[in-house]
Each structure stands twice: as C-alpha cells, then as structure tokens.
Amino acid sequence: MKRSGSAEELGAILADMYKSAPPKGLVTTILLFGIQYHDAIRAAGPKKVVEASGIGDKYHAEVNKGINLAEYVIPKYPRQN
C-alpha cells in the first residue's frame, strides 16, 4: 500500500472509499482505510487526513482504530464471500 502522501491526498482516498461504501459497511470501510494506509496516515497526521476528507470529525476514532488494527490484520484481496 501507499507508504506516503499528503493529508489532502489521503483525505481524497478516504472520501472516495466513504462514498463508495455500502450503507451497512461504512464503518468497516473506514477501518479498512486505516489498516491499508496506516503508515502514510501516521506520517500525515490522522486528524488532518480526516479533516481533509470532509467526511466529518466523528470518524477520526474509526481511522485510529484501523491504524491500531493494522499491526494484527492482513487484508485479503480481492474480497472473498
């Protein structure tokens, strides 16, 4: 995954993921963003990334949870049902 990027670039990625998330999978999608981009988010600042995304400050905690989960989770691609 992308290891660097500005808060604005990461915010745009988060906004895209947010907009394309299924209604019942919104929080899961935000957690996945935190897992996938954890290093870049840490470097740019999680609060700045969420602010740049425009999705609302209430999701800051979910991004942080994803960052913390990254140490323990290995995402599967593509999604398998």
PDB file of N, CA and C in Angstrom:
ATOM      1  N   MET A   1       0.827  -1.187   0.000  1.00  0.00           N
ATOM      2  CA  MET A   1       0.000   0.000   0.000  1.00  0.00           C
ATOM      3  C   MET A   1       0.871   1.250   0.000  1.00  0.00           C
ATOM      4  N   LYS A   2       0.237   2.326  -0.245  1.00  0.00           N
ATOM      5  CA  LYS A   2       0.926   3.613  -0.326  1.00  0.00           C
ATOM      6  C   LYS A   2       1.554   3.937   1.032  1.00  0.00           C
ATOM      7  N   ARG A   3       2.823   4.229   1.020  1.00  0.00           N
ATOM      8  CA  ARG A   3       3.560   4.483   2.262  1.00  0.00           C
ATOM      9  C   ARG A   3       3.680   5.960   2.600  1.00  0.00           C
ATOM     10  N   SER A   4       3.379   6.828   1.630  1.00  0.00           N
ATOM     11  CA  SER A   4       3.469   8.256   1.908  1.00  0.00           C
ATOM     12  C   SER A   4       2.386   8.988   1.129  1.00  0.00           C
ATOM     13  N   GLY A   5       2.176  10.209   1.516  1.00  0.00           N
ATOM     14  CA  GLY A   5       1.186  11.044   0.855  1.00  0.00           C
ATOM     15  C   GLY A   5       0.795  12.178   1.773  1.00  0.00           C
ATOM     16  N   SER A   6       0.308  13.223   1.159  1.00  0.00           N
ATOM     17  CA  SER A   6      -0.113  14.369   1.959  1.00  0.00           C
ATOM     18  C   SER A   6      -1.473  14.072   2.592  1.00  0.00           C
ATOM     19  N   ALA A   7      -1.807  14.867   3.577  1.00  0.00           N
ATOM     20  CA  ALA A   7      -3.116  14.726   4.221  1.00  0.00           C
ATOM     21  C   ALA A   7      -4.224  14.904   3.199  1.00  0.00           C
ATOM     22  N   GLU A   8      -4.011  15.790   2.245  1.00  0.00           N
ATOM     23  CA  GLU A   8      -5.025  16.043   1.218  1.00  0.00           C
ATOM     24  C   GLU A   8      -5.199  14.835   0.302  1.00  0.00           C
ATOM     25  N   GLU A   9      -4.082  14.215  -0.112  1.00  0.00           N
ATOM     26  CA  GLU A   9      -4.160  13.025  -0.967  1.00  0.00           C
ATOM     27  C   GLU A   9      -4.862  11.878  -0.242  1.00  0.00           C
ATOM     28  N   LEU A  10      -4.467  11.660   0.995  1.00  0.00           N
ATOM     29  CA  LEU A  10      -5.084  10.589   1.784  1.00  0.00           C
ATOM     30  C   LEU A  10      -6.543  10.906   2.087  1.00  0.00           C
ATOM     31  N   GLY A  11      -6.834  12.174   2.329  1.00  0.00           N
ATOM     32  CA  GLY A  11      -8.214  12.589   2.557  1.00  0.00           C
ATOM     33  C   GLY A  11      -9.084  12.303   1.346  1.00  0.00           C
ATOM     34  N   ALA A  12      -8.542  12.519   0.155  1.00  0.00           N
ATOM     35  CA  ALA A  12      -9.292  12.237  -1.078  1.00  0.00           C
ATOM     36  C   ALA A  12      -9.563  10.739  -1.215  1.00  0.00           C
ATOM     37  N   ILE A  13      -8.586   9.923  -0.862  1.00  0.00           N
ATOM     38  CA  ILE A  13      -8.773   8.470  -0.900  1.00  0.00           C
ATOM     39  C   ILE A  13      -9.849   8.055   0.088  1.00  0.00           C
ATOM     40  N   LEU A  14      -9.779   8.588   1.302  1.00  0.00           N
ATOM     41  CA  LEU A  14     -10.779   8.281   2.319  1.00  0.00           C
ATOM     42  C   LEU A  14     -12.165   8.714   1.860  1.00  0.00           C
ATOM     43  N   ALA A  15     -12.278   9.901   1.293  1.00  0.00           N
ATOM     44  CA  ALA A  15     -13.577  10.389   0.812  1.00  0.00           C
ATOM     45  C   ALA A  15     -14.136   9.470  -0.264  1.00  0.00           C
ATOM     46  N   ASP A  16     -13.282   9.002  -1.183  1.00  0.00           N
ATOM     47  CA  ASP A  16     -13.728   8.088  -2.231  1.00  0.00           C
ATOM     48  C   ASP A  16     -14.208   6.764  -1.646  1.00  0.00           C
ATOM     49  N   MET A  17     -13.449   6.241  -0.687  1.00  0.00           N
ATOM     50  CA  MET A  17     -13.850   4.981  -0.056  1.00  0.00           C
ATOM     51  C   MET A  17     -15.175   5.161   0.695  1.00  0.00           C
ATOM     52  N   TYR A  18     -15.321   6.291   1.362  1.00  0.00           N
ATOM     53  CA  TYR A  18     -16.537   6.606   2.120  1.00  0.00           C
ATOM     54  C   TYR A  18     -17.748   6.656   1.186  1.00  0.00           C
ATOM     55  N   LYS A  19     -17.588   7.338   0.049  1.00  0.00           N
ATOM     56  CA  LYS A  19     -18.694   7.495  -0.897  1.00  0.00           C
ATOM     57  C   LYS A  19     -19.089   6.185  -1.563  1.00  0.00           C
ATOM     58  N   SER A  20     -18.136   5.283  -1.744  1.00  0.00           N
ATOM     59  CA  SER A  20     -18.428   4.029  -2.428  1.00  0.00           C
ATOM     60  C   SER A  20     -18.761   2.882  -1.475  1.00  0.00           C
ATOM     61  N   ALA A  21     -18.721   3.142  -0.173  1.00  0.00           N
ATOM     62  CA  ALA A  21     -19.002   2.095   0.811  1.00  0.00           C
ATOM     63  C   ALA A  21     -20.495   1.752   0.839  1.00  0.00           C
ATOM     64  N   PRO A  22     -20.802   0.469   1.031  1.00  0.00           N
ATOM     65  CA  PRO A  22     -22.212   0.112   1.203  1.00  0.00           C
ATOM     66  C   PRO A  22     -22.722   0.696   2.521  1.00  0.00           C
ATOM     67  N   PRO A  23     -24.008   1.054   2.599  1.00  0.00           N
ATOM     68  CA  PRO A  23     -24.543   1.708   3.800  1.00  0.00           C
ATOM     69  C   PRO A  23     -24.240   0.957   5.102  1.00  0.00           C
ATOM     70  N   LYS A  24     -24.331  -0.355   5.070  1.00  0.00           N
ATOM     71  CA  LYS A  24     -24.086  -1.115   6.301  1.00  0.00           C
ATOM     72  C   LYS A  24     -22.605  -1.437   6.502  1.00  0.00           C
ATOM     73  N   GLY A  25     -21.762  -1.012   5.571  1.00  0.00           N
ATOM     74  CA  GLY A  25     -20.338  -1.286   5.686  1.00  0.00           C
ATOM     75  C   GLY A  25     -19.491  -0.041   5.814  1.00  0.00           C
ATOM     76  N   LEU A  26     -20.117   1.063   6.160  1.00  0.00           N
ATOM     77  CA  LEU A  26     -19.420   2.338   6.211  1.00  0.00           C
ATOM     78  C   LEU A  26     -18.282   2.346   7.237  1.00  0.00           C
ATOM     79  N   VAL A  27     -18.566   1.956   8.449  1.00  0.00           N
ATOM     80  CA  VAL A  27     -17.536   1.970   9.498  1.00  0.00           C
ATOM     81  C   VAL A  27     -16.451   0.954   9.166  1.00  0.00           C
ATOM     82  N   THR A  28     -16.840  -0.203   8.651  1.00  0.00           N
ATOM     83  CA  THR A  28     -15.861  -1.215   8.266  1.00  0.00           C
ATOM     84  C   THR A  28     -14.933  -0.674   7.186  1.00  0.00           C
ATOM     85  N   THR A  29     -15.475   0.067   6.234  1.00  0.00           N
ATOM     86  CA  THR A  29     -14.676   0.654   5.161  1.00  0.00           C
ATOM     87  C   THR A  29     -13.680   1.663   5.721  1.00  0.00           C
ATOM     88  N   ILE A  30     -14.094   2.448   6.693  1.00  0.00           N
ATOM     89  CA  ILE A  30     -13.194   3.430   7.301  1.00  0.00           C
ATOM     90  C   ILE A  30     -12.088   2.714   8.087  1.00  0.00           C
ATOM     91  N   LEU A  31     -12.440   1.638   8.771  1.00  0.00           N
ATOM     92  CA  LEU A  31     -11.418   0.839   9.457  1.00  0.00           C
ATOM     93  C   LEU A  31     -10.418   0.276   8.449  1.00  0.00           C
ATOM     94  N   LEU A  32     -10.921  -0.216   7.324  1.00  0.00           N
ATOM     95  CA  LEU A  32     -10.058  -0.767   6.290  1.00  0.00           C
ATOM     96  C   LEU A  32      -9.103   0.300   5.745  1.00  0.00           C
ATOM     97  N   PHE A  33      -9.597   1.511   5.560  1.00  0.00           N
ATOM     98  CA  PHE A  33      -8.728   2.612   5.136  1.00  0.00           C
ATOM     99  C   PHE A  33      -7.579   2.773   6.127  1.00  0.00           C
ATOM    100  N   GLY A  34      -7.889   2.790   7.416  1.00  0.00           N
ATOM    101  CA  GLY A  34      -6.852   2.925   8.444  1.00  0.00           C
ATOM    102  C   GLY A  34      -5.846   1.796   8.400  1.00  0.00           C
ATOM    103  N   ILE A  35      -6.330   0.579   8.116  1.00  0.00           N
ATOM    104  CA  ILE A  35      -5.445  -0.582   8.029  1.00  0.00           C
ATOM    105  C   ILE A  35      -4.548  -0.477   6.793  1.00  0.00           C
ATOM    106  N   GLN A  36      -5.153  -0.163   5.647  1.00  0.00           N
ATOM    107  CA  GLN A  36      -4.408  -0.134   4.391  1.00  0.00           C
ATOM    108  C   GLN A  36      -3.351   0.962   4.345  1.00  0.00           C
ATOM    109  N   TYR A  37      -3.648   2.106   4.883  1.00  0.00           N
ATOM    110  CA  TYR A  37      -2.776   3.276   4.741  1.00  0.00           C
ATOM    111  C   TYR A  37      -2.169   3.716   6.071  1.00  0.00           C
ATOM    112  N   HIS A  38      -2.056   2.812   7.033  1.00  0.00           N
ATOM    113  CA  HIS A  38      -1.656   3.187   8.392  1.00  0.00           C
ATOM    114  C   HIS A  38      -0.351   3.979   8.454  1.00  0.00           C
ATOM    115  N   ASP A  39       0.668   3.555   7.721  1.00  0.00           N
ATOM    116  CA  ASP A  39       1.952   4.271   7.786  1.00  0.00           C
ATOM    117  C   ASP A  39       1.830   5.693   7.247  1.00  0.00           C
ATOM    118  N   ALA A  40       1.171   5.828   6.108  1.00  0.00           N
ATOM    119  CA  ALA A  40       1.017   7.147   5.487  1.00  0.00           C
ATOM    120  C   ALA A  40       0.148   8.058   6.349  1.00  0.00           C
ATOM    121  N   ILE A  41      -0.897   7.495   6.948  1.00  0.00           N
ATOM    122  CA  ILE A  41      -1.782   8.291   7.808  1.00  0.00           C
ATOM    123  C   ILE A  41      -1.024   8.789   9.027  1.00  0.00           C
ATOM    124  N   ARG A  42      -0.237   7.908   9.630  1.00  0.00           N
ATOM    125  CA  ARG A  42       0.553   8.323  10.798  1.00  0.00           C
ATOM    126  C   ARG A  42       1.489   9.471  10.436  1.00  0.00           C
ATOM    127  N   ALA A  43       2.132   9.372   9.256  1.00  0.00           N
ATOM    128  CA  ALA A  43       3.083  10.405   8.831  1.00  0.00           C
ATOM    129  C   ALA A  43       2.373  11.736   8.559  1.00  0.00           C
ATOM    130  N   ALA A  44       1.192  11.666   7.970  1.00  0.00           N
ATOM    131  CA  ALA A  44       0.461  12.886   7.615  1.00  0.00           C
ATOM    132  C   ALA A  44      -0.335  13.458   8.777  1.00  0.00           C
ATOM    133  N   GLY A  45      -0.674  12.614   9.741  1.00  0.00           N
ATOM    134  CA  GLY A  45      -1.494  13.031  10.875  1.00  0.00           C
ATOM    135  C   GLY A  45      -2.941  12.618  10.678  1.00  0.00           C
ATOM    136  N   PRO A  46      -3.426  11.670  11.481  1.00  0.00           N
ATOM    137  CA  PRO A  46      -4.785  11.153  11.315  1.00  0.00           C
ATOM    138  C   PRO A  46      -5.870  12.228  11.338  1.00  0.00           C
ATOM    139  N   LYS A  47      -5.738  13.183  12.242  1.00  0.00           N
ATOM    140  CA  LYS A  47      -6.754  14.238  12.338  1.00  0.00           C
ATOM    141  C   LYS A  47      -6.787  15.081  11.063  1.00  0.00           C
ATOM    142  N   LYS A  48      -5.607  15.407  10.533  1.00  0.00           N
ATOM    143  CA  LYS A  48      -5.531  16.190   9.305  1.00  0.00           C
ATOM    144  C   LYS A  48      -6.127  15.433   8.123  1.00  0.00           C
ATOM    145  N   VAL A  49      -5.900  14.121   8.069  1.00  0.00           N
ATOM    146  CA  VAL A  49      -6.431  13.303   6.978  1.00  0.00           C
ATOM    147  C   VAL A  49      -7.955  13.289   7.012  1.00  0.00           C
ATOM    148  N   VAL A  50      -8.524  13.080   8.196  1.00  0.00           N
ATOM    149  CA  VAL A  50      -9.983  13.045   8.322  1.00  0.00           C
ATOM    150  C   VAL A  50     -10.567  14.414   7.989  1.00  0.00           C
ATOM    151  N   GLU A  51      -9.949  15.472   8.459  1.00  0.00           N
ATOM    152  CA  GLU A  51     -10.424  16.820   8.136  1.00  0.00           C
ATOM    153  C   GLU A  51     -10.381  17.071   6.630  1.00  0.00           C
ATOM    154  N   ALA A  52      -9.294  16.632   5.983  1.00  0.00           N
ATOM    155  CA  ALA A  52      -9.148  16.834   4.535  1.00  0.00           C
ATOM    156  C   ALA A  52     -10.173  16.031   3.740  1.00  0.00           C
ATOM    157  N   SER A  53     -10.642  14.928   4.305  1.00  0.00           N
ATOM    158  CA  SER A  53     -11.609  14.077   3.597  1.00  0.00           C
ATOM    159  C   SER A  53     -12.994  14.711   3.532  1.00  0.00           C
ATOM    160  N   GLY A  54     -13.316  15.527   4.541  1.00  0.00           N
ATOM    161  CA  GLY A  54     -14.627  16.156   4.590  1.00  0.00           C
ATOM    162  C   GLY A  54     -15.753  15.230   5.014  1.00  0.00           C
ATOM    163  N   ILE A  55     -15.421  14.068   5.562  1.00  0.00           N
ATOM    164  CA  ILE A  55     -16.474  13.119   5.958  1.00  0.00           C
ATOM    165  C   ILE A  55     -17.005  13.378   7.357  1.00  0.00           C
ATOM    166  N   GLY A  56     -16.342  14.203   8.102  1.00  0.00           N
ATOM    167  CA  GLY A  56     -16.787  14.521   9.458  1.00  0.00           C
ATOM    168  C   GLY A  56     -15.814  14.037  10.507  1.00  0.00           C
ATOM    169  N   ASP A  57     -15.601  14.863  11.500  1.00  0.00           N
ATOM    170  CA  ASP A  57     -14.642  14.555  12.568  1.00  0.00           C
ATOM    171  C   ASP A  57     -15.015  13.329  13.383  1.00  0.00           C
ATOM    172  N   LYS A  58     -16.280  12.931  13.354  1.00  0.00           N
ATOM    173  CA  LYS A  58     -16.706  11.791  14.173  1.00  0.00           C
ATOM    174  C   LYS A  58     -16.039  10.488  13.738  1.00  0.00           C
ATOM    175  N   TYR A  59     -15.460  10.450  12.522  1.00  0.00           N
ATOM    176  CA  TYR A  59     -14.810   9.227  12.040  1.00  0.00           C
ATOM    177  C   TYR A  59     -13.329   9.161  12.372  1.00  0.00           C
ATOM    178  N   HIS A  60     -12.815  10.166  13.044  1.00  0.00           N
ATOM    179  CA  HIS A  60     -11.411  10.175  13.457  1.00  0.00           C
ATOM    180  C   HIS A  60     -11.085   8.950  14.303  1.00  0.00           C
ATOM    181  N   ALA A  61     -11.959   8.606  15.220  1.00  0.00           N
ATOM    182  CA  ALA A  61     -11.726   7.443  16.094  1.00  0.00           C
ATOM    183  C   ALA A  61     -11.672   6.154  15.282  1.00  0.00           C
ATOM    184  N   GLU A  62     -12.511   6.041  14.255  1.00  0.00           N
ATOM    185  CA  GLU A  62     -12.522   4.824  13.440  1.00  0.00           C
ATOM    186  C   GLU A  62     -11.224   4.689  12.640  1.00  0.00           C
ATOM    187  N   VAL A  63     -10.720   5.796  12.122  1.00  0.00           N
ATOM    188  CA  VAL A  63      -9.444   5.756  11.404  1.00  0.00           C
ATOM    189  C   VAL A  63      -8.339   5.332  12.371  1.00  0.00           C
ATOM    190  N   ASN A  64      -8.337   5.874  13.570  1.00  0.00           N
ATOM    191  CA  ASN A  64      -7.337   5.486  14.574  1.00  0.00           C
ATOM    192  C   ASN A  64      -7.436   4.004  14.922  1.00  0.00           C
ATOM    193  N   LYS A  65      -8.640   3.488  15.036  1.00  0.00           N
ATOM    194  CA  LYS A  65      -8.811   2.054  15.305  1.00  0.00           C
ATOM    195  C   LYS A  65      -8.204   1.225  14.182  1.00  0.00           C
ATOM    196  N   GLY A  66      -8.443   1.654  12.942  1.00  0.00           N
ATOM    197  CA  GLY A  66      -7.862   0.945  11.805  1.00  0.00           C
ATOM    198  C   GLY A  66      -6.348   0.961  11.833  1.00  0.00           C
ATOM    199  N   ILE A  67      -5.782   2.112  12.164  1.00  0.00           N
ATOM    200  CA  ILE A  67      -4.322   2.227  12.273  1.00  0.00           C
ATOM    201  C   ILE A  67      -3.805   1.231  13.309  1.00  0.00           C
ATOM    202  N   ASN A  68      -4.477   1.162  14.448  1.00  0.00           N
ATOM    203  CA  ASN A  68      -4.052   0.253  15.507  1.00  0.00           C
ATOM    204  C   ASN A  68      -4.249  -1.216  15.126  1.00  0.00           C
ATOM    205  N   LEU A  69      -5.302  -1.509  14.380  1.00  0.00           N
ATOM    206  CA  LEU A  69      -5.557  -2.881  13.941  1.00  0.00           C
ATOM    207  C   LEU A  69      -4.550  -3.356  12.903  1.00  0.00           C
ATOM    208  N   ALA A  70      -3.929  -2.439  12.190  1.00  0.00           N
ATOM    209  CA  ALA A  70      -3.007  -2.791  11.105  1.00  0.00           C
ATOM    210  C   ALA A  70      -1.904  -3.727  11.568  1.00  0.00           C
ATOM    211  N   GLU A  71      -1.533  -3.623  12.808  1.00  0.00           N
ATOM    212  CA  GLU A  71      -0.482  -4.485  13.358  1.00  0.00           C
ATOM    213  C   GLU A  71      -0.928  -5.947  13.430  1.00  0.00           C
ATOM    214  N   TYR A  72      -2.229  -6.180  13.501  1.00  0.00           N
ATOM    215  CA  TYR A  72      -2.767  -7.512  13.737  1.00  0.00           C
ATOM    216  C   TYR A  72      -3.532  -8.110  12.566  1.00  0.00           C
ATOM    217  N   VAL A  73      -3.773  -7.329  11.509  1.00  0.00           N
ATOM    218  CA  VAL A  73      -4.665  -7.739  10.431  1.00  0.00           C
ATOM    219  C   VAL A  73      -3.909  -7.823   9.111  1.00  0.00           C
ATOM    220  N   ILE A  74      -4.230  -8.849   8.336  1.00  0.00           N
ATOM    221  CA  ILE A  74      -3.733  -8.961   6.982  1.00  0.00           C
ATOM    222  C   ILE A  74      -4.935  -8.975   6.056  1.00  0.00           C
ATOM    223  N   PRO A  75      -5.183  -7.864   5.325  1.00  0.00           N
ATOM    224  CA  PRO A  75      -6.346  -7.809   4.438  1.00  0.00           C
ATOM    225  C   PRO A  75      -6.247  -8.828   3.308  1.00  0.00           C
ATOM    226  N   LYS A  76      -7.375  -9.387   2.904  1.00  0.00           N
ATOM    227  CA  LYS A  76      -7.454 -10.292   1.767  1.00  0.00           C
ATOM    228  C   LYS A  76      -7.956  -9.523   0.566  1.00  0.00           C
ATOM    229  N   TYR A  77      -7.294  -9.700  -0.587  1.00  0.00           N
ATOM    230  CA  TYR A  77      -7.718  -9.028  -1.817  1.00  0.00           C
ATOM    231  C   TYR A  77      -7.764 -10.025  -2.933  1.00  0.00           C
ATOM    232  N   PRO A  78      -8.748 -10.037  -3.787  1.00  0.00           N
ATOM    233  CA  PRO A  78      -9.984  -9.289  -3.636  1.00  0.00           C
ATOM    234  C   PRO A  78     -10.854  -9.904  -2.558  1.00  0.00           C
ATOM    235  N   ARG A  79     -11.896  -9.200  -2.197  1.00  0.00           N
ATOM    236  CA  ARG A  79     -12.806  -9.681  -1.156  1.00  0.00           C
ATOM    237  C   ARG A  79     -13.420 -11.008  -1.578  1.00  0.00           C
ATOM    238  N   GLN A  80     -13.396 -11.943  -0.657  1.00  0.00           N
ATOM    239  CA  GLN A  80     -13.975 -13.265  -0.923  1.00  0.00           C
ATOM    240  C   GLN A  80     -15.180 -13.476  -0.053  1.00  0.00           C
ATOM    241  N   ASN A  81     -16.277 -13.873  -0.650  1.00  0.00           N
ATOM    242  CA  ASN A  81     -17.523 -14.111   0.104  1.00  0.00           C
ATOM    243  C   ASN A  81     -17.610 -15.532   0.578  1.00  0.00           C
TER     244      ASN A  81
END
